[in-house]
C-alpha atoms as a PDB file:
ATOM      1  CA  MET A   1       0.000   0.000   0.000  1.00  0.00           C
ATOM      2  CA  THR A   2       1.269   3.446  -0.894  1.00  0.00           C
ATOM      3  CA  MET A   3       0.713   6.697   0.950  1.00  0.00           C
ATOM      4  CA  ASP A   4      -1.445   7.919  -1.950  1.00  0.00           C
ATOM      5  CA  GLU A   5      -3.689   4.853  -1.672  1.00  0.00           C
ATOM      6  CA  CYS A   6      -3.971   5.431   2.040  1.00  0.00           C
ATOM      7  CA  ARG A   7      -4.945   9.075   1.501  1.00  0.00           C
ATOM      8  CA  GLU A   8      -7.570   8.137  -1.085  1.00  0.00           C
ATOM      9  CA  TYR A   9      -9.717   6.201   1.369  1.00  0.00           C
ATOM     10  CA  LEU A  10      -8.722   7.405   4.834  1.00  0.00           C
ATOM     11  CA  PRO A  11      -8.837  10.807   6.546  1.00  0.00           C
ATOM     12  CA  GLU A  12      -5.754  12.895   5.783  1.00  0.00           C
ATOM     13  CA  ASP A  13      -4.724  13.178   9.433  1.00  0.00           C
ATOM     14  CA  TRP A  14      -4.802   9.375   9.832  1.00  0.00           C
ATOM     15  CA  VAL A  15      -2.187   8.760   7.174  1.00  0.00           C
ATOM     16  CA  PRO A  16       0.991   9.906   8.970  1.00  0.00           C
ATOM     17  CA  LEU A  17      -0.112   8.161  12.182  1.00  0.00           C
ATOM     18  CA  ILE A  18      -0.625   4.845  10.414  1.00  0.00           C
ATOM     19  CA  ALA A  19       2.603   5.238   8.428  1.00  0.00           C
ATOM     20  CA  ALA A  20       4.555   5.900  11.638  1.00  0.00           C
ATOM     21  CA  ASP A  21       3.293   2.711  13.329  1.00  0.00           C
ATOM     22  CA  PRO A  22       4.649  -0.497  11.744  1.00  0.00           C
ATOM     23  CA  VAL A  23       1.887  -2.577  13.345  1.00  0.00           C
ATOM     24  CA  LEU A  24      -0.947  -0.458  11.939  1.00  0.00           C
ATOM     25  CA  TRP A  25       0.807  -0.081   8.601  1.00  0.00           C
ATOM     26  CA  ASP A  26       1.056  -3.871   8.226  1.00  0.00           C
ATOM     27  CA  ILE A  27      -2.614  -4.355   9.126  1.00  0.00           C
ATOM     28  CA  PHE A  28      -3.864  -1.709   6.707  1.00  0.00           C
ATOM     29  CA  SER A  29      -1.455  -2.865   3.992  1.00  0.00           C
ATOM     30  CA  GLU A  30      -2.812  -6.414   4.165  1.00  0.00           C
ATOM     31  CA  HIS A  31      -6.280  -4.909   3.725  1.00  0.00           C
ATOM     32  CA  GLU A  32      -5.308  -2.729   0.738  1.00  0.00           C
ATOM     33  CA  TYR A  33      -7.305  -4.689  -1.858  1.00  0.00           C
ATOM     34  CA  HIS A  34     -10.505  -4.037   0.092  1.00  0.00           C
ATOM     35  CA  LEU A  35      -9.973  -0.364   0.935  1.00  0.00           C
ATOM     36  CA  GLU A  36     -12.555   0.781  -1.589  1.00  0.00           C
ATOM     37  CA  GLU A  37     -15.217  -1.380   0.061  1.00  0.00           C
ATOM     38  CA  GLU A  38     -14.235  -0.758   3.695  1.00  0.00           C
ATOM     39  CA  ALA A  39     -11.482   1.721   4.565  1.00  0.00           C
ATOM     40  CA  VAL A  40     -10.907   0.240   8.035  1.00  0.00           C
ATOM     41  CA  PRO A  41     -10.325  -3.545   8.215  1.00  0.00           C
ATOM     42  CA  PRO A  42     -13.465  -5.200   9.671  1.00  0.00           C
ATOM     43  CA  PHE A  43     -11.302  -7.305  12.006  1.00  0.00           C
ATOM     44  CA  LEU A  44      -8.963  -4.499  13.026  1.00  0.00           C
ATOM     45  CA  ILE A  45      -9.796  -4.966  16.732  1.00  0.00           C
ATOM     46  CA  GLN A  46      -9.024  -8.692  16.530  1.00  0.00           C
ATOM     47  CA  GLU A  47      -5.663  -7.910  14.947  1.00  0.00           C
ATOM     48  CA  LEU A  48      -4.782  -5.859  18.036  1.00  0.00           C
ATOM     49  CA  ARG A  49      -6.196  -8.089  20.760  1.00  0.00           C
ATOM     50  CA  GLY A  50      -3.965  -9.307  23.540  1.00  0.00           C
ATOM     51  CA  GLY A  51      -2.708  -5.948  24.808  1.00  0.00           C
ATOM     52  CA  HIS A  52      -2.014  -4.167  21.507  1.00  0.00           C
ATOM     53  CA  LEU A  53      -5.038  -1.854  21.296  1.00  0.00           C
ATOM     54  CA  GLU A  54      -2.935   1.074  22.494  1.00  0.00           C
ATOM     55  CA  HIS A  55      -1.771   1.318  18.879  1.00  0.00           C
ATOM     56  CA  LEU A  56      -5.166   2.942  18.214  1.00  0.00           C
ATOM     57  CA  ARG A  57      -4.686   5.716  20.766  1.00  0.00           C
ATOM     58  CA  PRO A  58      -3.159   8.289  18.357  1.00  0.00           C
ATOM     59  CA  LEU A  59      -5.985   7.753  15.853  1.00  0.00           C
ATOM     60  CA  LEU A  60      -8.780   7.852  18.407  1.00  0.00           C
ATOM     61  CA  ALA A  61      -7.221  10.844  20.178  1.00  0.00           C
ATOM     62  CA  LEU A  62      -7.899  12.850  16.997  1.00  0.00           C
ATOM     63  CA  TYR A  63     -11.550  12.837  18.126  1.00  0.00           C
ATOM     64  CA  GLY A  64     -10.851  14.144  21.598  1.00  0.00           C
ATOM     65  CA  GLU A  65     -12.321  12.738  24.791  1.00  0.00           C
ATOM     66  CA  PRO A  66     -15.087  10.783  22.981  1.00  0.00           C
ATOM     67  CA  GLY A  67     -12.469   8.914  20.975  1.00  0.00           C
ATOM     68  CA  LEU A  68     -10.484   8.110  24.107  1.00  0.00           C
ATOM     69  CA  GLU A  69     -13.647   6.868  25.843  1.00  0.00           C
ATOM     70  CA  LEU A  70     -14.153   4.528  22.906  1.00  0.00           C
ATOM     71  CA  LEU A  71     -10.607   3.274  23.372  1.00  0.00           C
ATOM     72  CA  GLN A  72     -11.270   2.638  27.065  1.00  0.00           C
ATOM     73  CA  GLY A  73     -14.239   0.474  26.132  1.00  0.00           C
ATOM     74  CA  LEU A  74     -12.096  -1.512  23.710  1.00  0.00           C
ATOM     75  CA  LEU A  75      -9.489  -2.046  26.416  1.00  0.00           C
ATOM     76  CA  GLU A  76     -12.197  -3.383  28.742  1.00  0.00           C
ATOM     77  CA  ILE A  77     -13.287  -5.827  26.050  1.00  0.00           C
ATOM     78  CA  ASP A  78      -9.742  -7.023  25.473  1.00  0.00           C
ATOM     79  CA  GLU A  79      -9.264  -7.619  29.187  1.00  0.00           C
ATOM     80  CA  ALA A  80     -12.613  -9.416  29.626  1.00  0.00           C
ATOM     81  CA  ALA A  81     -11.860 -11.743  26.709  1.00  0.00           C
ATOM     82  CA  ARG A  82      -8.206 -12.326  27.554  1.00  0.00           C
ATOM     83  CA  ASP A  83      -8.747 -15.915  28.701  1.00  0.00           C
ATOM     84  CA  THR A  84     -10.783 -16.908  25.632  1.00  0.00           C
ATOM     85  CA  ALA A  85      -8.473 -15.652  22.879  1.00  0.00           C
ATOM     86  CA  GLU A  86      -6.685 -18.991  22.520  1.00  0.00           C
ATOM     87  CA  LEU A  87      -7.696 -22.598  23.033  1.00  0.00           C
ATOM     88  CA  ARG A  88      -5.285 -25.528  23.278  1.00  0.00           C
ATOM     89  CA  LEU A  89      -6.607 -28.439  21.189  1.00  0.00           C
ATOM     90  CA  PRO A  90      -6.170 -32.129  22.113  1.00  0.00           C
ATOM     91  CA  ASN A  91      -3.635 -32.521  19.301  1.00  0.00           C
ATOM     92  CA  GLY A  92      -1.450 -29.847  20.882  1.00  0.00           C
ATOM     93  CA  ARG A  93      -2.256 -27.150  18.365  1.00  0.00           C
ATOM     94  CA  THR A  94      -3.682 -23.757  19.286  1.00  0.00           C
ATOM     95  CA  ALA A  95      -7.018 -22.421  18.002  1.00  0.00           C
ATOM     96  CA  TYR A  96      -7.589 -18.667  17.967  1.00  0.00           C
ATOM     97  CA  ALA A  97     -11.017 -17.164  18.610  1.00  0.00           C
ATOM     98  CA  GLY A  98     -12.431 -15.269  15.649  1.00  0.00           C
ATOM     99  CA  TYR A  99     -14.572 -13.050  17.883  1.00  0.00           C
ATOM    100  CA  PHE A 100     -14.293 -11.683  21.396  1.00  0.00           C
ATOM    101  CA  PHE A 101     -16.269 -13.423  24.125  1.00  0.00           C
ATOM    102  CA  ALA A 102     -16.053 -13.859  27.885  1.00  0.00           C
ATOM    103  CA  ARG A 103     -16.867 -16.888  30.013  1.00  0.00           C
ATOM    104  CA  PHE A 104     -19.583 -16.869  32.637  1.00  0.00           C
ATOM    105  CA  SER A 105     -18.648 -17.701  36.214  1.00  0.00           C
ATOM    106  CA  LYS A 106     -21.252 -18.883  38.718  1.00  0.00           C
ATOM    107  CA  GLU A 107     -19.641 -16.515  41.195  1.00  0.00           C
ATOM    108  CA  ASP A 108     -21.115 -13.650  39.143  1.00  0.00           C
ATOM    109  CA  ARG A 109     -24.696 -14.930  39.348  1.00  0.00           C
ATOM    110  CA  GLU A 110     -25.930 -12.362  41.881  1.00  0.00           C
ATOM    111  CA  LYS A 111     -24.108  -9.508  40.159  1.00  0.00           C
ATOM    112  CA  ALA A 112     -25.490 -10.603  36.792  1.00  0.00           C
ATOM    113  CA  VAL A 113     -29.103 -10.556  37.978  1.00  0.00           C
ATOM    114  CA  LYS A 114     -28.613  -7.115  39.508  1.00  0.00           C
ATOM    115  CA  THR A 115     -27.058  -5.814  36.288  1.00  0.00           C
ATOM    116  CA  ALA A 116     -29.875  -7.360  34.250  1.00  0.00           C
ATOM    117  CA  LYS A 117     -32.416  -5.419  36.278  1.00  0.00           C
ATOM    118  CA  SER A 118     -30.464  -2.230  35.572  1.00  0.00           C
ATOM    119  CA  TYR A 119     -30.627  -3.070  31.885  1.00  0.00           C
ATOM    120  CA  LEU A 120     -34.386  -3.603  32.102  1.00  0.00           C
ATOM    121  CA  ARG A 121     -34.783  -0.154  33.637  1.00  0.00           C
ATOM    122  CA  ALA A 122     -32.546   1.387  30.962  1.00  0.00           C
ATOM    123  CA  VAL A 123     -34.578  -0.126  28.123  1.00  0.00           C
ATOM    124  CA  CYS A 124     -37.842   0.960  29.734  1.00  0.00           C
ATOM    125  CA  ARG A 125     -36.478   4.472  30.168  1.00  0.00           C
ATOM    126  CA  VAL A 126     -35.722   4.743  26.452  1.00  0.00           C
ATOM    127  CA  TYR A 127     -39.285   3.732  25.617  1.00  0.00           C
ATOM    128  CA  GLU A 128     -40.880   5.979  28.211  1.00  0.00           C
ATOM    129  CA  GLU A 129     -38.726   9.107  27.850  1.00  0.00           C
ATOM    130  CA  VAL A 130     -37.753   8.929  24.182  1.00  0.00           C
ATOM    131  CA  PHE A 131     -40.494   6.956  22.435  1.00  0.00           C
ATOM    132  CA  HIS A 132     -43.244   8.004  24.882  1.00  0.00           C
ATOM    133  CA  GLU A 133     -44.789   4.558  24.760  1.00  0.00           C
ATOM    134  CA  PRO A 134     -44.834   1.433  26.926  1.00  0.00           C
ATOM    135  CA  SER A 135     -41.817  -0.842  26.769  1.00  0.00           C
ATOM    136  CA  PRO A 136     -42.274  -4.320  25.224  1.00  0.00           C
ATOM    137  CA  VAL A 137     -40.795  -5.703  28.438  1.00  0.00           C
ATOM    138  CA  GLY A 138     -41.863  -4.723  31.928  1.00  0.00           C
ATOM    139  CA  PRO A 139     -39.460  -2.933  34.304  1.00  0.00           C
ATOM    140  CA  ARG A 140     -40.065  -5.625  36.918  1.00  0.00           C
ATOM    141  CA  ALA A 141     -39.735  -8.595  34.591  1.00  0.00           C
ATOM    142  CA  GLY A 142     -38.159 -11.698  36.016  1.00  0.00           C
ATOM    143  CA  VAL A 143     -34.586 -12.660  35.167  1.00  0.00           C
ATOM    144  CA  LEU A 144     -33.849 -16.209  34.083  1.00  0.00           C
ATOM    145  CA  LEU A 145     -30.230 -17.355  33.877  1.00  0.00           C
ATOM    146  CA  LEU A 146     -29.688 -20.004  31.203  1.00  0.00           C
ATOM    147  CA  THR A 147     -26.556 -22.061  30.650  1.00  0.00           C
ATOM    148  CA  GLY A 148     -25.590 -25.118  28.635  1.00  0.00           C
ATOM    149  CA  GLN A 149     -28.335 -26.685  26.510  1.00  0.00           C
ATOM    150  CA  GLU A 150     -30.992 -24.314  27.853  1.00  0.00           C
ATOM    151  CA  ALA A 151     -28.893 -21.383  26.624  1.00  0.00           C
ATOM    152  CA  ARG A 152     -28.439 -22.984  23.210  1.00  0.00           C
ATOM    153  CA  ASP A 153     -32.181 -23.612  22.938  1.00  0.00           C
ATOM    154  CA  MET A 154     -32.967 -19.983  23.752  1.00  0.00           C
ATOM    155  CA  ARG A 155     -30.473 -18.658  21.203  1.00  0.00           C
ATOM    156  CA  GLU A 156     -32.013 -20.922  18.573  1.00  0.00           C
ATOM    157  CA  LYS A 157     -35.535 -19.790  19.502  1.00  0.00           C
ATOM    158  CA  VAL A 158     -34.628 -16.135  19.042  1.00  0.00           C
ATOM    159  CA  HIS A 159     -32.693 -16.892  15.842  1.00  0.00           C
ATOM    160  CA  GLN A 160     -35.600 -18.794  14.272  1.00  0.00           C
ATOM    161  CA  ALA A 161     -38.021 -16.015  15.168  1.00  0.00           C
ATOM    162  CA  TYR A 162     -35.659 -13.511  13.572  1.00  0.00           C
ATOM    163  CA  ILE A 163     -35.122 -15.337  10.280  1.00  0.00           C
ATOM    164  CA  HIS A 164     -38.846 -16.102   9.900  1.00  0.00           C
ATOM    165  CA  GLY A 165     -39.859 -12.518  10.651  1.00  0.00           C
ATOM    166  CA  LYS A 166     -42.016 -13.306  13.651  1.00  0.00           C
ATOM    167  CA  PRO A 167     -42.447 -10.088  15.680  1.00  0.00           C
ATOM    168  CA  TYR A 168     -43.918 -11.714  18.775  1.00  0.00           C
ATOM    169  CA  LEU A 169     -40.621 -11.774  20.661  1.00  0.00           C
ATOM    170  CA  PRO A 170     -39.919  -8.512  22.515  1.00  0.00           C
ATOM    171  CA  ASP A 171     -36.219  -9.106  21.830  1.00  0.00           C
ATOM    172  CA  LEU A 172     -36.705  -8.508  18.108  1.00  0.00           C
ATOM    173  CA  GLN A 173     -38.878  -5.439  18.624  1.00  0.00           C
ATOM    174  CA  ILE A 174     -36.388  -3.874  21.044  1.00  0.00           C
ATOM    175  CA  ARG A 175     -33.462  -4.685  18.775  1.00  0.00           C
ATOM    176  CA  ASP A 176     -35.116  -2.978  15.805  1.00  0.00           C
ATOM    177  CA  GLU A 177     -36.698   0.030  17.497  1.00  0.00           C
ATOM    178  CA  VAL A 178     -33.820   0.916  19.820  1.00  0.00           C
ATOM    179  CA  GLY A 179     -31.368   0.292  16.976  1.00  0.00           C
ATOM    180  CA  ASP A 180     -33.270   2.697  14.695  1.00  0.00           C
ATOM    181  CA  TRP A 181     -33.281   5.311  17.452  1.00  0.00           C
ATOM    182  CA  PHE A 182     -29.543   5.017  17.966  1.00  0.00           C
ATOM    183  CA  SER A 183     -28.906   5.261  14.222  1.00  0.00           C
ATOM    184  CA  ASP A 184     -30.726   8.605  14.155  1.00  0.00           C
ATOM    185  CA  LEU A 185     -28.630  10.188  16.926  1.00  0.00           C
ATOM    186  CA  ARG A 186     -26.330  13.023  15.901  1.00  0.00           C
ATOM    187  CA  TYR A 187     -22.604  12.770  16.496  1.00  0.00           C
ATOM    188  CA  ARG A 188     -20.411  15.244  18.319  1.00  0.00           C
ATOM    189  CA  GLY A 189     -18.161  17.378  16.147  1.00  0.00           C
ATOM    190  CA  ASN A 190     -16.357  15.145  13.661  1.00  0.00           C
ATOM    191  CA  CYS A 191     -17.099  11.932  15.588  1.00  0.00           C
ATOM    192  CA  GLY A 192     -19.492  10.824  12.855  1.00  0.00           C
ATOM    193  CA  GLU A 193     -16.436  10.254  10.697  1.00  0.00           C
ATOM    194  CA  LEU A 194     -14.942   7.914  13.295  1.00  0.00           C
ATOM    195  CA  ALA A 195     -18.243   6.075  13.795  1.00  0.00           C
ATOM    196  CA  GLY A 196     -18.603   5.552  10.057  1.00  0.00           C
ATOM    197  CA  LEU A 197     -15.071   4.282   9.585  1.00  0.00           C
ATOM    198  CA  PHE A 198     -15.207   1.961  12.611  1.00  0.00           C
ATOM    199  CA  HIS A 199     -18.770   0.739  12.008  1.00  0.00           C
ATOM    200  CA  GLU A 200     -17.867  -2.766  10.803  1.00  0.00           C
ATOM    201  CA  ALA A 201     -14.856  -3.169  13.091  1.00  0.00           C
ATOM    202  CA  LEU A 202     -16.981  -2.438  16.172  1.00  0.00           C
ATOM    203  CA  TYR A 203     -19.778  -4.762  15.080  1.00  0.00           C
ATOM    204  CA  HIS A 204     -17.348  -7.587  14.303  1.00  0.00           C
ATOM    205  CA  ILE A 205     -15.969  -7.545  17.848  1.00  0.00           C
ATOM    206  CA  SER A 206     -18.765  -9.914  18.820  1.00  0.00           C
ATOM    207  CA  ASN A 207     -21.455  -9.603  16.113  1.00  0.00           C
ATOM    208  CA  ASP A 208     -23.406  -7.518  18.628  1.00  0.00           C
ATOM    209  CA  TYR A 209     -24.906  -4.180  17.591  1.00  0.00           C
ATOM    210  CA  PHE A 210     -25.819  -3.194  21.154  1.00  0.00           C
ATOM    211  CA  LEU A 211     -22.228  -3.729  22.255  1.00  0.00           C
ATOM    212  CA  SER A 212     -21.194  -1.472  19.379  1.00  0.00           C
ATOM    213  CA  TYR A 213     -23.777   1.151  20.410  1.00  0.00           C
ATOM    214  CA  CYS A 214     -22.376   1.161  23.933  1.00  0.00           C
ATOM    215  CA  LEU A 215     -18.868   1.831  22.628  1.00  0.00           C
ATOM    216  CA  GLN A 216     -20.121   4.587  20.314  1.00  0.00           C
ATOM    217  CA  TRP A 217     -22.336   6.300  22.897  1.00  0.00           C
ATOM    218  CA  PRO A 218     -19.632   8.853  23.898  1.00  0.00           C
ATOM    219  CA  LEU A 219     -19.378   9.885  20.227  1.00  0.00           C
ATOM    220  CA  THR A 220     -23.038  10.925  20.055  1.00  0.00           C
ATOM    221  CA  GLU A 221     -24.950  14.028  21.037  1.00  0.00           C
ATOM    222  CA  HIS A 222     -27.039  11.733  23.158  1.00  0.00           C
ATOM    223  CA  PRO A 223     -30.064  12.747  25.227  1.00  0.00           C
ATOM    224  CA  ASP A 224     -29.566  13.733  28.837  1.00  0.00           C
ATOM    225  CA  MET A 225     -29.401  10.165  30.099  1.00  0.00           C
ATOM    226  CA  GLU A 226     -26.801   7.654  31.162  1.00  0.00           C
ATOM    227  CA  ASN A 227     -25.553   5.243  28.531  1.00  0.00           C
ATOM    228  CA  PRO A 228     -28.516   2.813  28.288  1.00  0.00           C
ATOM    229  CA  PHE A 229     -26.306   0.171  26.686  1.00  0.00           C
ATOM    230  CA  ARG A 230     -23.770   0.084  29.516  1.00  0.00           C
ATOM    231  CA  PRO A 231     -25.559  -2.677  31.488  1.00  0.00           C
ATOM    232  CA  HIS A 232     -25.617  -4.750  28.294  1.00  0.00           C
ATOM    233  CA  PHE A 233     -21.850  -4.231  28.054  1.00  0.00           C
ATOM    234  CA  GLN A 234     -21.373  -5.234  31.679  1.00  0.00           C
ATOM    235  CA  LEU A 235     -23.363  -8.419  31.115  1.00  0.00           C
ATOM    236  CA  TRP A 236     -21.284  -9.173  28.021  1.00  0.00           C
ATOM    237  CA  LYS A 237     -18.117  -8.895  30.108  1.00  0.00           C
ATOM    238  CA  MET A 238     -19.617 -11.525  32.418  1.00  0.00           C
ATOM    239  CA  GLY A 239     -20.099 -13.863  29.454  1.00  0.00           C
ATOM    240  CA  LEU A 240     -23.859 -13.270  29.210  1.00  0.00           C
ATOM    241  CA  THR A 241     -26.225 -12.019  26.524  1.00  0.00           C
ATOM    242  CA  PRO A 242     -29.564 -10.529  27.618  1.00  0.00           C
ATOM    243  CA  GLN A 243     -32.554 -11.611  25.561  1.00  0.00           C
ATOM    244  CA  PHE A 244     -36.177 -10.603  25.995  1.00  0.00           C
ATOM    245  CA  PHE A 245     -38.524 -13.460  25.133  1.00  0.00           C
ATOM    246  CA  HIS A 246     -41.623 -12.444  27.116  1.00  0.00           C
ATOM    247  CA  HIS A 247     -43.106  -9.216  28.494  1.00  0.00           C
ATOM    248  CA  ASP A 248     -42.556 -10.467  32.026  1.00  0.00           C
ATOM    249  CA  GLN A 249     -39.327 -12.405  31.570  1.00  0.00           C
ATOM    250  CA  MET A 250     -35.816 -11.809  30.264  1.00  0.00           C
ATOM    251  CA  ALA A 251     -33.108 -14.401  29.853  1.00  0.00           C
ATOM    252  CA  LEU A 252     -29.385 -14.146  30.477  1.00  0.00           C
ATOM    253  CA  VAL A 253     -27.806 -16.574  28.045  1.00  0.00           C
ATOM    254  CA  ASP A 254     -24.215 -17.689  28.450  1.00  0.00           C
ATOM    255  CA  CYS A 255     -21.773 -18.021  25.563  1.00  0.00           C
END
């Protein structure tokens, strides 16, 4: 990749920072044949996992405090998924995780339920204060922790409902409506540029839009409310995914 190619698809002030960092230069150079489709490599975060995300600090610092808050979130993800990055196979070889994920510990059960209730309140607040309509899930809904086969069954239930377009699951309604709301938020200053460039890289961390929204929240001119996606992020760091499958019940599904 040449400097001119870099300038053609990336912001001008990124170019010298990438060129000055051999690690970033190698990553972007390997991606050069796809620059026209996606200027930032979709798996950029994976390339830097394991304590190397500080290489992004000069780039993210171009966007001020919001960019540095995004970096802090990425560092939290890297730390939470540190023990799942590699897996030793029976044949002695090492398998590397394609996505970030954390493992659930039974010691976090009480904390997880408490965090889930915070997430319920956050979702309800968005519906009440932003949409001015009742939430598809009640603020006092029960919390069901699912692991093993029960977790796999729940993930499949939500997946089948999604691919067949069945709107009866609150999880699908919340995903669509809250996602549309987030997409319409304005960005601070030039942070929209950063959000656009990092869109795929943030999603591909864990194929989780709400995790991406949490990381991007500091970049937005958000309403006067706390980050409603933060409890979702905290649950993710505990190895759990919240899913709403009934008005009066939410599930915490392990990885």
